[in-house]
All heavy atoms as atom14 arrays in JSON, in Angstrom:
{
  "sequence": "VTRGPLGLLDLLEVQLGLPPVIATSADTLMAYRACLAEVDAP",
  "atom14_mask": [
    [1, 1, 1, 1, 1, 1, 1, 0, 0, 0, 0, 0, 0, 0],
    [1, 1, 1, 1, 1, 1, 1, 0, 0, 0, 0, 0, 0, 0],
    [1, 1, 1, 1, 1, 1, 1, 1, 1, 1, 1, 0, 0, 0],
    [1, 1, 1, 1, 0, 0, 0, 0, 0, 0, 0, 0, 0, 0],
    [1, 1, 1, 1, 1, 1, 1, 0, 0, 0, 0, 0, 0, 0],
    [1, 1, 1, 1, 1, 1, 1, 1, 0, 0, 0, 0, 0, 0],
    [1, 1, 1, 1, 0, 0, 0, 0, 0, 0, 0, 0, 0, 0],
    [1, 1, 1, 1, 1, 1, 1, 1, 0, 0, 0, 0, 0, 0],
    [1, 1, 1, 1, 1, 1, 1, 1, 0, 0, 0, 0, 0, 0],
    [1, 1, 1, 1, 1, 1, 1, 1, 0, 0, 0, 0, 0, 0],
    [1, 1, 1, 1, 1, 1, 1, 1, 0, 0, 0, 0, 0, 0],
    [1, 1, 1, 1, 1, 1, 1, 1, 0, 0, 0, 0, 0, 0],
    [1, 1, 1, 1, 1, 1, 1, 1, 1, 0, 0, 0, 0, 0],
    [1, 1, 1, 1, 1, 1, 1, 0, 0, 0, 0, 0, 0, 0],
    [1, 1, 1, 1, 1, 1, 1, 1, 1, 0, 0, 0, 0, 0],
    [1, 1, 1, 1, 1, 1, 1, 1, 0, 0, 0, 0, 0, 0],
    [1, 1, 1, 1, 0, 0, 0, 0, 0, 0, 0, 0, 0, 0],
    [1, 1, 1, 1, 1, 1, 1, 1, 0, 0, 0, 0, 0, 0],
    [1, 1, 1, 1, 1, 1, 1, 0, 0, 0, 0, 0, 0, 0],
    [1, 1, 1, 1, 1, 1, 1, 0, 0, 0, 0, 0, 0, 0],
    [1, 1, 1, 1, 1, 1, 1, 0, 0, 0, 0, 0, 0, 0],
    [1, 1, 1, 1, 1, 1, 1, 1, 0, 0, 0, 0, 0, 0],
    [1, 1, 1, 1, 1, 0, 0, 0, 0, 0, 0, 0, 0, 0],
    [1, 1, 1, 1, 1, 1, 1, 0, 0, 0, 0, 0, 0, 0],
    [1, 1, 1, 1, 1, 1, 0, 0, 0, 0, 0, 0, 0, 0],
    [1, 1, 1, 1, 1, 0, 0, 0, 0, 0, 0, 0, 0, 0],
    [1, 1, 1, 1, 1, 1, 1, 1, 0, 0, 0, 0, 0, 0],
    [1, 1, 1, 1, 1, 1, 1, 0, 0, 0, 0, 0, 0, 0],
    [1, 1, 1, 1, 1, 1, 1, 1, 0, 0, 0, 0, 0, 0],
    [1, 1, 1, 1, 1, 1, 1, 1, 0, 0, 0, 0, 0, 0],
    [1, 1, 1, 1, 1, 0, 0, 0, 0, 0, 0, 0, 0, 0],
    [1, 1, 1, 1, 1, 1, 1, 1, 1, 1, 1, 1, 0, 0],
    [1, 1, 1, 1, 1, 1, 1, 1, 1, 1, 1, 0, 0, 0],
    [1, 1, 1, 1, 1, 0, 0, 0, 0, 0, 0, 0, 0, 0],
    [1, 1, 1, 1, 1, 1, 0, 0, 0, 0, 0, 0, 0, 0],
    [1, 1, 1, 1, 1, 1, 1, 1, 0, 0, 0, 0, 0, 0],
    [1, 1, 1, 1, 1, 0, 0, 0, 0, 0, 0, 0, 0, 0],
    [1, 1, 1, 1, 1, 1, 1, 1, 1, 0, 0, 0, 0, 0],
    [1, 1, 1, 1, 1, 1, 1, 0, 0, 0, 0, 0, 0, 0],
    [1, 1, 1, 1, 1, 1, 1, 1, 0, 0, 0, 0, 0, 0],
    [1, 1, 1, 1, 1, 0, 0, 0, 0, 0, 0, 0, 0, 0],
    [1, 1, 1, 1, 1, 1, 1, 0, 0, 0, 0, 0, 0, 0]
  ],
  "atom14_positions": [
    [[0.84, -1.2, 0.0], [0.0, 0.0, 0.0], [0.87, 1.25, 0.0], [2.04, 1.22, 0.41], [-0.95, 0.04, 1.22], [-1.94, -1.11, 1.17], [-0.16, 0.02, 2.52], [0.0, 0.0, 0.0], [0.0, 0.0, 0.0], [0.0, 0.0, 0.0], [0.0, 0.0, 0.0], [0.0, 0.0, 0.0], [0.0, 0.0, 0.0], [0.0, 0.0, 0.0]],
    [[0.29, 2.35, -0.47], [0.97, 3.65, -0.5], [0.3, 4.57, 0.52], [-0.92, 4.69, 0.53], [0.89, 4.27, -1.9], [1.54, 3.4, -2.83], [1.57, 5.63, -1.94], [0.0, 0.0, 0.0], [0.0, 0.0, 0.0], [0.0, 0.0, 0.0], [0.0, 0.0, 0.0], [0.0, 0.0, 0.0], [0.0, 0.0, 0.0], [0.0, 0.0, 0.0]],
    [[1.09, 5.2, 1.37], [0.55, 6.05, 2.41], [1.39, 7.32, 2.59], [2.59, 7.31, 2.4], [0.53, 5.31, 3.75], [-0.46, 4.16, 3.85], [-1.89, 4.67, 3.93], [-2.84, 3.6, 4.16], [-3.41, 2.88, 3.2], [-3.1, 3.13, 1.93], [-4.27, 1.92, 3.47], [0.0, 0.0, 0.0], [0.0, 0.0, 0.0], [0.0, 0.0, 0.0]],
    [[0.69, 8.4, 2.98], [1.34, 9.61, 3.45], [1.41, 9.6, 4.96], [1.06, 8.59, 5.6], [0.0, 0.0, 0.0], [0.0, 0.0, 0.0], [0.0, 0.0, 0.0], [0.0, 0.0, 0.0], [0.0, 0.0, 0.0], [0.0, 0.0, 0.0], [0.0, 0.0, 0.0], [0.0, 0.0, 0.0], [0.0, 0.0, 0.0], [0.0, 0.0, 0.0]],
    [[1.8, 10.7, 5.59], [1.97, 10.72, 7.06], [0.7, 10.34, 7.82], [0.75, 9.48, 8.7], [2.37, 12.17, 7.34], [2.99, 12.64, 6.07], [2.25, 11.97, 4.97], [0.0, 0.0, 0.0], [0.0, 0.0, 0.0], [0.0, 0.0, 0.0], [0.0, 0.0, 0.0], [0.0, 0.0, 0.0], [0.0, 0.0, 0.0], [0.0, 0.0, 0.0]],
    [[-0.43, 10.98, 7.49], [-1.65, 10.69, 8.23], [-2.16, 9.28, 7.93], [-2.65, 8.59, 8.83], [-2.72, 11.73, 7.9], [-2.39, 13.17, 8.34], [-3.51, 14.11, 7.95], [-2.13, 13.23, 9.85], [0.0, 0.0, 0.0], [0.0, 0.0, 0.0], [0.0, 0.0, 0.0], [0.0, 0.0, 0.0], [0.0, 0.0, 0.0], [0.0, 0.0, 0.0]],
    [[-2.02, 8.85, 6.68], [-2.44, 7.5, 6.34], [-1.61, 6.45, 7.05], [-2.14, 5.43, 7.52], [0.0, 0.0, 0.0], [0.0, 0.0, 0.0], [0.0, 0.0, 0.0], [0.0, 0.0, 0.0], [0.0, 0.0, 0.0], [0.0, 0.0, 0.0], [0.0, 0.0, 0.0], [0.0, 0.0, 0.0], [0.0, 0.0, 0.0], [0.0, 0.0, 0.0]],
    [[-0.31, 6.68, 7.16], [0.55, 5.73, 7.87], [0.22, 5.7, 9.35], [0.16, 4.62, 9.97], [2.02, 6.1, 7.65], [3.05, 5.2, 8.37], [2.93, 3.76, 7.91], [4.47, 5.72, 8.14], [0.0, 0.0, 0.0], [0.0, 0.0, 0.0], [0.0, 0.0, 0.0], [0.0, 0.0, 0.0], [0.0, 0.0, 0.0], [0.0, 0.0, 0.0]],
    [[0.0, 6.87, 9.94], [-0.35, 6.91, 11.35], [-1.66, 6.19, 11.63], [-1.78, 5.44, 12.61], [-0.43, 8.37, 11.83], [0.91, 9.08, 12.04], [0.69, 10.56, 12.33], [1.69, 8.43, 13.17], [0.0, 0.0, 0.0], [0.0, 0.0, 0.0], [0.0, 0.0, 0.0], [0.0, 0.0, 0.0], [0.0, 0.0, 0.0], [0.0, 0.0, 0.0]],
    [[-2.66, 6.42, 10.78], [-3.94, 5.72, 10.95], [-3.75, 4.21, 10.93], [-4.29, 3.48, 11.76], [-4.91, 6.14, 9.85], [-5.43, 7.56, 10.02], [-5.32, 8.11, 11.13], [-5.96, 8.11, 9.03], [0.0, 0.0, 0.0], [0.0, 0.0, 0.0], [0.0, 0.0, 0.0], [0.0, 0.0, 0.0], [0.0, 0.0, 0.0], [0.0, 0.0, 0.0]],
    [[-2.96, 3.73, 9.96], [-2.73, 2.3, 9.83], [-2.01, 1.73, 11.05], [-2.39, 0.7, 11.59], [-1.93, 2.04, 8.55], [-1.68, 0.59, 8.13], [-1.53, 0.49, 6.63], [-0.42, 0.02, 8.79], [0.0, 0.0, 0.0], [0.0, 0.0, 0.0], [0.0, 0.0, 0.0], [0.0, 0.0, 0.0], [0.0, 0.0, 0.0], [0.0, 0.0, 0.0]],
    [[-0.97, 2.43, 11.5], [-0.19, 1.96, 12.64], [-1.02, 1.96, 13.92], [-0.94, 1.04, 14.74], [1.06, 2.81, 12.82], [2.15, 2.61, 11.77], [3.22, 3.69, 11.89], [2.79, 1.23, 11.92], [0.0, 0.0, 0.0], [0.0, 0.0, 0.0], [0.0, 0.0, 0.0], [0.0, 0.0, 0.0], [0.0, 0.0, 0.0], [0.0, 0.0, 0.0]],
    [[-1.83, 3.0, 14.11], [-2.64, 3.07, 15.32], [-3.66, 1.94, 15.37], [-3.91, 1.37, 16.44], [-3.33, 4.44, 15.4], [-2.36, 5.56, 15.76], [-2.94, 6.95, 15.57], [-4.01, 7.08, 14.94], [-2.32, 7.91, 16.05], [0.0, 0.0, 0.0], [0.0, 0.0, 0.0], [0.0, 0.0, 0.0], [0.0, 0.0, 0.0], [0.0, 0.0, 0.0]],
    [[-4.22, 1.59, 14.22], [-5.16, 0.46, 14.18], [-4.44, -0.84, 14.54], [-4.91, -1.63, 15.36], [-5.81, 0.35, 12.79], [-6.55, -0.98, 12.64], [-6.78, 1.51, 12.55], [0.0, 0.0, 0.0], [0.0, 0.0, 0.0], [0.0, 0.0, 0.0], [0.0, 0.0, 0.0], [0.0, 0.0, 0.0], [0.0, 0.0, 0.0], [0.0, 0.0, 0.0]],
    [[-3.27, -1.06, 13.92], [-2.55, -2.31, 14.16], [-2.02, -2.42, 15.58], [-1.89, -3.53, 16.12], [-1.4, -2.45, 13.16], [-1.86, -2.64, 11.72], [-0.76, -3.15, 10.81], [0.33, -3.47, 11.26], [-1.05, -3.23, 9.52], [0.0, 0.0, 0.0], [0.0, 0.0, 0.0], [0.0, 0.0, 0.0], [0.0, 0.0, 0.0], [0.0, 0.0, 0.0]],
    [[-1.74, -1.27, 16.21], [-1.19, -1.29, 17.57], [-2.28, -1.14, 18.63], [-1.98, -1.15, 19.83], [-0.16, -0.17, 17.72], [1.11, -0.33, 16.89], [1.95, 0.93, 16.96], [1.92, -1.54, 17.34], [0.0, 0.0, 0.0], [0.0, 0.0, 0.0], [0.0, 0.0, 0.0], [0.0, 0.0, 0.0], [0.0, 0.0, 0.0], [0.0, 0.0, 0.0]],
    [[-3.54, -0.98, 18.2], [-4.63, -0.87, 19.16], [-4.67, 0.46, 19.89], [-5.19, 0.54, 21.0], [0.0, 0.0, 0.0], [0.0, 0.0, 0.0], [0.0, 0.0, 0.0], [0.0, 0.0, 0.0], [0.0, 0.0, 0.0], [0.0, 0.0, 0.0], [0.0, 0.0, 0.0], [0.0, 0.0, 0.0], [0.0, 0.0, 0.0], [0.0, 0.0, 0.0]],
    [[-4.13, 1.5, 19.27], [-4.13, 2.83, 19.89], [-5.42, 3.57, 19.54], [-5.91, 3.47, 18.41], [-2.92, 3.63, 19.41], [-1.56, 3.06, 19.83], [-0.43, 3.81, 19.12], [-1.38, 3.16, 21.34], [0.0, 0.0, 0.0], [0.0, 0.0, 0.0], [0.0, 0.0, 0.0], [0.0, 0.0, 0.0], [0.0, 0.0, 0.0], [0.0, 0.0, 0.0]],
    [[-5.95, 4.37, 20.45], [-7.18, 5.1, 20.15], [-6.95, 6.13, 19.04], [-5.94, 6.83, 19.06], [-7.53, 5.78, 21.47], [-6.25, 5.82, 22.24], [-5.49, 4.6, 21.83], [0.0, 0.0, 0.0], [0.0, 0.0, 0.0], [0.0, 0.0, 0.0], [0.0, 0.0, 0.0], [0.0, 0.0, 0.0], [0.0, 0.0, 0.0], [0.0, 0.0, 0.0]],
    [[-7.84, 6.21, 18.08], [-7.66, 7.15, 16.97], [-7.91, 8.59, 17.41], [-8.58, 8.84, 18.42], [-8.71, 6.7, 15.97], [-9.8, 6.12, 16.83], [-9.09, 5.44, 17.96], [0.0, 0.0, 0.0], [0.0, 0.0, 0.0], [0.0, 0.0, 0.0], [0.0, 0.0, 0.0], [0.0, 0.0, 0.0], [0.0, 0.0, 0.0], [0.0, 0.0, 0.0]],
    [[-7.35, 9.51, 16.66], [-7.6, 10.94, 16.88], [-8.68, 11.36, 15.89], [-8.43, 11.43, 14.69], [-6.32, 11.77, 16.68], [-6.61, 13.26, 16.87], [-5.24, 11.32, 17.65], [0.0, 0.0, 0.0], [0.0, 0.0, 0.0], [0.0, 0.0, 0.0], [0.0, 0.0, 0.0], [0.0, 0.0, 0.0], [0.0, 0.0, 0.0], [0.0, 0.0, 0.0]],
    [[-9.88, 11.61, 16.38], [-11.01, 11.85, 15.5], [-11.49, 13.29, 15.53], [-12.45, 13.64, 14.85], [-12.18, 10.91, 15.84], [-12.61, 11.1, 17.3], [-11.81, 9.46, 15.58], [-13.81, 10.28, 17.69], [0.0, 0.0, 0.0], [0.0, 0.0, 0.0], [0.0, 0.0, 0.0], [0.0, 0.0, 0.0], [0.0, 0.0, 0.0], [0.0, 0.0, 0.0]],
    [[-10.84, 14.15, 16.3], [-11.25, 15.55, 16.38], [-11.01, 16.27, 15.06], [-10.04, 15.98, 14.35], [-10.49, 16.26, 17.51], [0.0, 0.0, 0.0], [0.0, 0.0, 0.0], [0.0, 0.0, 0.0], [0.0, 0.0, 0.0], [0.0, 0.0, 0.0], [0.0, 0.0, 0.0], [0.0, 0.0, 0.0], [0.0, 0.0, 0.0], [0.0, 0.0, 0.0]],
    [[-11.87, 17.21, 14.73], [-11.67, 18.02, 13.54], [-10.64, 19.11, 13.82], [-10.3, 19.38, 14.99], [-12.98, 18.69, 13.11], [-13.37, 19.65, 14.12], [-14.09, 17.67, 12.94], [0.0, 0.0, 0.0], [0.0, 0.0, 0.0], [0.0, 0.0, 0.0], [0.0, 0.0, 0.0], [0.0, 0.0, 0.0], [0.0, 0.0, 0.0], [0.0, 0.0, 0.0]],
    [[-10.14, 19.73, 12.76], [-9.18, 20.83, 12.93], [-9.82, 21.99, 13.69], [-9.15, 22.68, 14.47], [-8.66, 21.29, 11.57], [-9.73, 21.68, 10.73], [0.0, 0.0, 0.0], [0.0, 0.0, 0.0], [0.0, 0.0, 0.0], [0.0, 0.0, 0.0], [0.0, 0.0, 0.0], [0.0, 0.0, 0.0], [0.0, 0.0, 0.0], [0.0, 0.0, 0.0]],
    [[-11.13, 22.2, 13.49], [-11.82, 23.28, 14.21], [-11.89, 22.97, 15.7], [-11.71, 23.86, 16.55], [-13.22, 23.46, 13.64], [0.0, 0.0, 0.0], [0.0, 0.0, 0.0], [0.0, 0.0, 0.0], [0.0, 0.0, 0.0], [0.0, 0.0, 0.0], [0.0, 0.0, 0.0], [0.0, 0.0, 0.0], [0.0, 0.0, 0.0], [0.0, 0.0, 0.0]],
    [[-12.16, 21.7, 16.05], [-12.2, 21.3, 17.46], [-10.83, 21.55, 18.11], [-10.75, 22.06, 19.24], [-12.54, 19.82, 17.59], [-13.97, 19.51, 17.18], [-14.82, 20.42, 17.25], [-14.23, 18.36, 16.78], [0.0, 0.0, 0.0], [0.0, 0.0, 0.0], [0.0, 0.0, 0.0], [0.0, 0.0, 0.0], [0.0, 0.0, 0.0], [0.0, 0.0, 0.0]],
    [[-9.78, 21.17, 17.4], [-8.43, 21.36, 17.92], [-8.11, 22.83, 18.12], [-7.55, 23.23, 19.14], [-7.4, 20.72, 16.97], [-7.7, 19.33, 16.81], [-5.99, 20.87, 17.49], [0.0, 0.0, 0.0], [0.0, 0.0, 0.0], [0.0, 0.0, 0.0], [0.0, 0.0, 0.0], [0.0, 0.0, 0.0], [0.0, 0.0, 0.0], [0.0, 0.0, 0.0]],
    [[-8.49, 23.63, 17.14], [-8.22, 25.07, 17.22], [-8.94, 25.7, 18.41], [-8.37, 26.49, 19.16], [-8.66, 25.75, 15.91], [-8.47, 27.27, 15.83], [-7.0, 27.62, 15.93], [-9.07, 27.8, 14.53], [0.0, 0.0, 0.0], [0.0, 0.0, 0.0], [0.0, 0.0, 0.0], [0.0, 0.0, 0.0], [0.0, 0.0, 0.0], [0.0, 0.0, 0.0]],
    [[-10.22, 25.35, 18.59], [-10.98, 25.92, 19.69], [-10.44, 25.47, 21.05], [-10.42, 26.23, 22.01], [-12.45, 25.54, 19.55], [-13.16, 26.22, 18.38], [-13.12, 28.05, 18.45], [-11.76, 28.41, 17.33], [0.0, 0.0, 0.0], [0.0, 0.0, 0.0], [0.0, 0.0, 0.0], [0.0, 0.0, 0.0], [0.0, 0.0, 0.0], [0.0, 0.0, 0.0]],
    [[-10.0, 24.23, 21.13], [-9.43, 23.73, 22.39], [-8.15, 24.47, 22.74], [-7.92, 24.84, 23.9], [-9.17, 22.23, 22.28], [0.0, 0.0, 0.0], [0.0, 0.0, 0.0], [0.0, 0.0, 0.0], [0.0, 0.0, 0.0], [0.0, 0.0, 0.0], [0.0, 0.0, 0.0], [0.0, 0.0, 0.0], [0.0, 0.0, 0.0], [0.0, 0.0, 0.0]],
    [[-7.32, 24.71, 21.72], [-6.06, 25.43, 21.98], [-6.33, 26.89, 22.3], [-5.66, 27.48, 23.16], [-5.12, 25.3, 20.78], [-3.7, 25.68, 21.11], [-2.92, 24.87, 21.94], [-3.13, 26.83, 20.6], [-1.62, 25.21, 22.26], [-1.82, 27.18, 20.91], [-1.07, 26.36, 21.74], [0.22, 26.71, 22.06], [0.0, 0.0, 0.0], [0.0, 0.0, 0.0]],
    [[-7.32, 27.48, 21.64], [-7.68, 28.86, 21.94], [-8.1, 29.0, 23.4], [-7.74, 29.99, 24.07], [-8.81, 29.32, 21.01], [-9.31, 30.74, 21.31], [-10.57, 31.08, 20.54], [-11.05, 32.39, 20.89], [-12.16, 32.93, 20.41], [-12.9, 32.25, 19.53], [-12.56, 34.14, 20.78], [0.0, 0.0, 0.0], [0.0, 0.0, 0.0], [0.0, 0.0, 0.0]],
    [[-8.85, 28.03, 23.9], [-9.28, 28.08, 25.29], [-8.09, 28.02, 26.24], [-8.06, 28.7, 27.28], [-10.24, 26.92, 25.58], [0.0, 0.0, 0.0], [0.0, 0.0, 0.0], [0.0, 0.0, 0.0], [0.0, 0.0, 0.0], [0.0, 0.0, 0.0], [0.0, 0.0, 0.0], [0.0, 0.0, 0.0], [0.0, 0.0, 0.0], [0.0, 0.0, 0.0]],
    [[-7.08, 27.24, 25.9], [-5.87, 27.17, 26.72], [-5.13, 28.5, 26.73], [-4.65, 28.96, 27.78], [-4.96, 26.05, 26.22], [-5.63, 24.39, 26.4], [0.0, 0.0, 0.0], [0.0, 0.0, 0.0], [0.0, 0.0, 0.0], [0.0, 0.0, 0.0], [0.0, 0.0, 0.0], [0.0, 0.0, 0.0], [0.0, 0.0, 0.0], [0.0, 0.0, 0.0]],
    [[-5.02, 29.12, 25.57], [-4.37, 30.43, 25.48], [-5.12, 31.46, 26.32], [-4.51, 32.25, 27.04], [-4.3, 30.89, 24.02], [-3.32, 30.16, 23.11], [-3.54, 30.56, 21.65], [-1.88, 30.48, 23.52], [0.0, 0.0, 0.0], [0.0, 0.0, 0.0], [0.0, 0.0, 0.0], [0.0, 0.0, 0.0], [0.0, 0.0, 0.0], [0.0, 0.0, 0.0]],
    [[-6.44, 31.45, 26.2], [-7.24, 32.41, 26.95], [-7.07, 32.24, 28.46], [-7.05, 33.22, 29.21], [-8.71, 32.27, 26.57], [0.0, 0.0, 0.0], [0.0, 0.0, 0.0], [0.0, 0.0, 0.0], [0.0, 0.0, 0.0], [0.0, 0.0, 0.0], [0.0, 0.0, 0.0], [0.0, 0.0, 0.0], [0.0, 0.0, 0.0], [0.0, 0.0, 0.0]],
    [[-6.91, 31.0, 28.89], [-6.8, 30.73, 30.33], [-5.49, 31.24, 30.93], [-5.46, 31.65, 32.09], [-6.96, 29.24, 30.59], [-7.11, 28.9, 32.07], [-7.64, 27.5, 32.29], [-8.39, 26.99, 31.41], [-7.33, 26.9, 33.33], [0.0, 0.0, 0.0], [0.0, 0.0, 0.0], [0.0, 0.0, 0.0], [0.0, 0.0, 0.0], [0.0, 0.0, 0.0]],
    [[-4.42, 31.22, 30.14], [-3.13, 31.68, 30.67], [-2.82, 33.11, 30.24], [-1.81, 33.68, 30.65], [-1.98, 30.75, 30.24], [-2.23, 29.33, 30.67], [-1.74, 30.81, 28.74], [0.0, 0.0, 0.0], [0.0, 0.0, 0.0], [0.0, 0.0, 0.0], [0.0, 0.0, 0.0], [0.0, 0.0, 0.0], [0.0, 0.0, 0.0], [0.0, 0.0, 0.0]],
    [[-3.68, 33.69, 29.42], [-3.41, 35.02, 28.87], [-3.32, 36.07, 29.99], [-4.09, 36.04, 30.95], [-4.52, 35.41, 27.88], [-4.22, 36.72, 27.17], [-3.02, 37.05, 27.02], [-5.18, 37.4, 26.79], [0.0, 0.0, 0.0], [0.0, 0.0, 0.0], [0.0, 0.0, 0.0], [0.0, 0.0, 0.0], [0.0, 0.0, 0.0], [0.0, 0.0, 0.0]],
    [[-2.37, 36.98, 29.82], [-2.17, 38.11, 30.74], [-1.26, 39.11, 30.03], [-0.56, 38.75, 29.07], [-1.53, 37.62, 32.05], [0.0, 0.0, 0.0], [0.0, 0.0, 0.0], [0.0, 0.0, 0.0], [0.0, 0.0, 0.0], [0.0, 0.0, 0.0], [0.0, 0.0, 0.0], [0.0, 0.0, 0.0], [0.0, 0.0, 0.0], [0.0, 0.0, 0.0]],
    [[-1.26, 40.37, 30.46], [-0.44, 41.39, 29.76], [1.02, 41.02, 29.53], [1.58, 41.35, 28.48], [-0.59, 42.61, 30.68], [-1.94, 42.44, 31.29], [-2.1, 40.97, 31.51], [0.0, 0.0, 0.0], [0.0, 0.0, 0.0], [0.0, 0.0, 0.0], [0.0, 0.0, 0.0], [0.0, 0.0, 0.0], [0.0, 0.0, 0.0], [0.0, 0.0, 0.0]]
  ]
}
């Protein structure tokens, strides 16, 4: 099979029984924004 980075990671995680990362890019962005807001200060 031919795979790129994300395709290879998906395949390896399945074979190793690791939980997949299913969050969207928007979910990730909003989660990181919340972290920035929590530590934000002048």
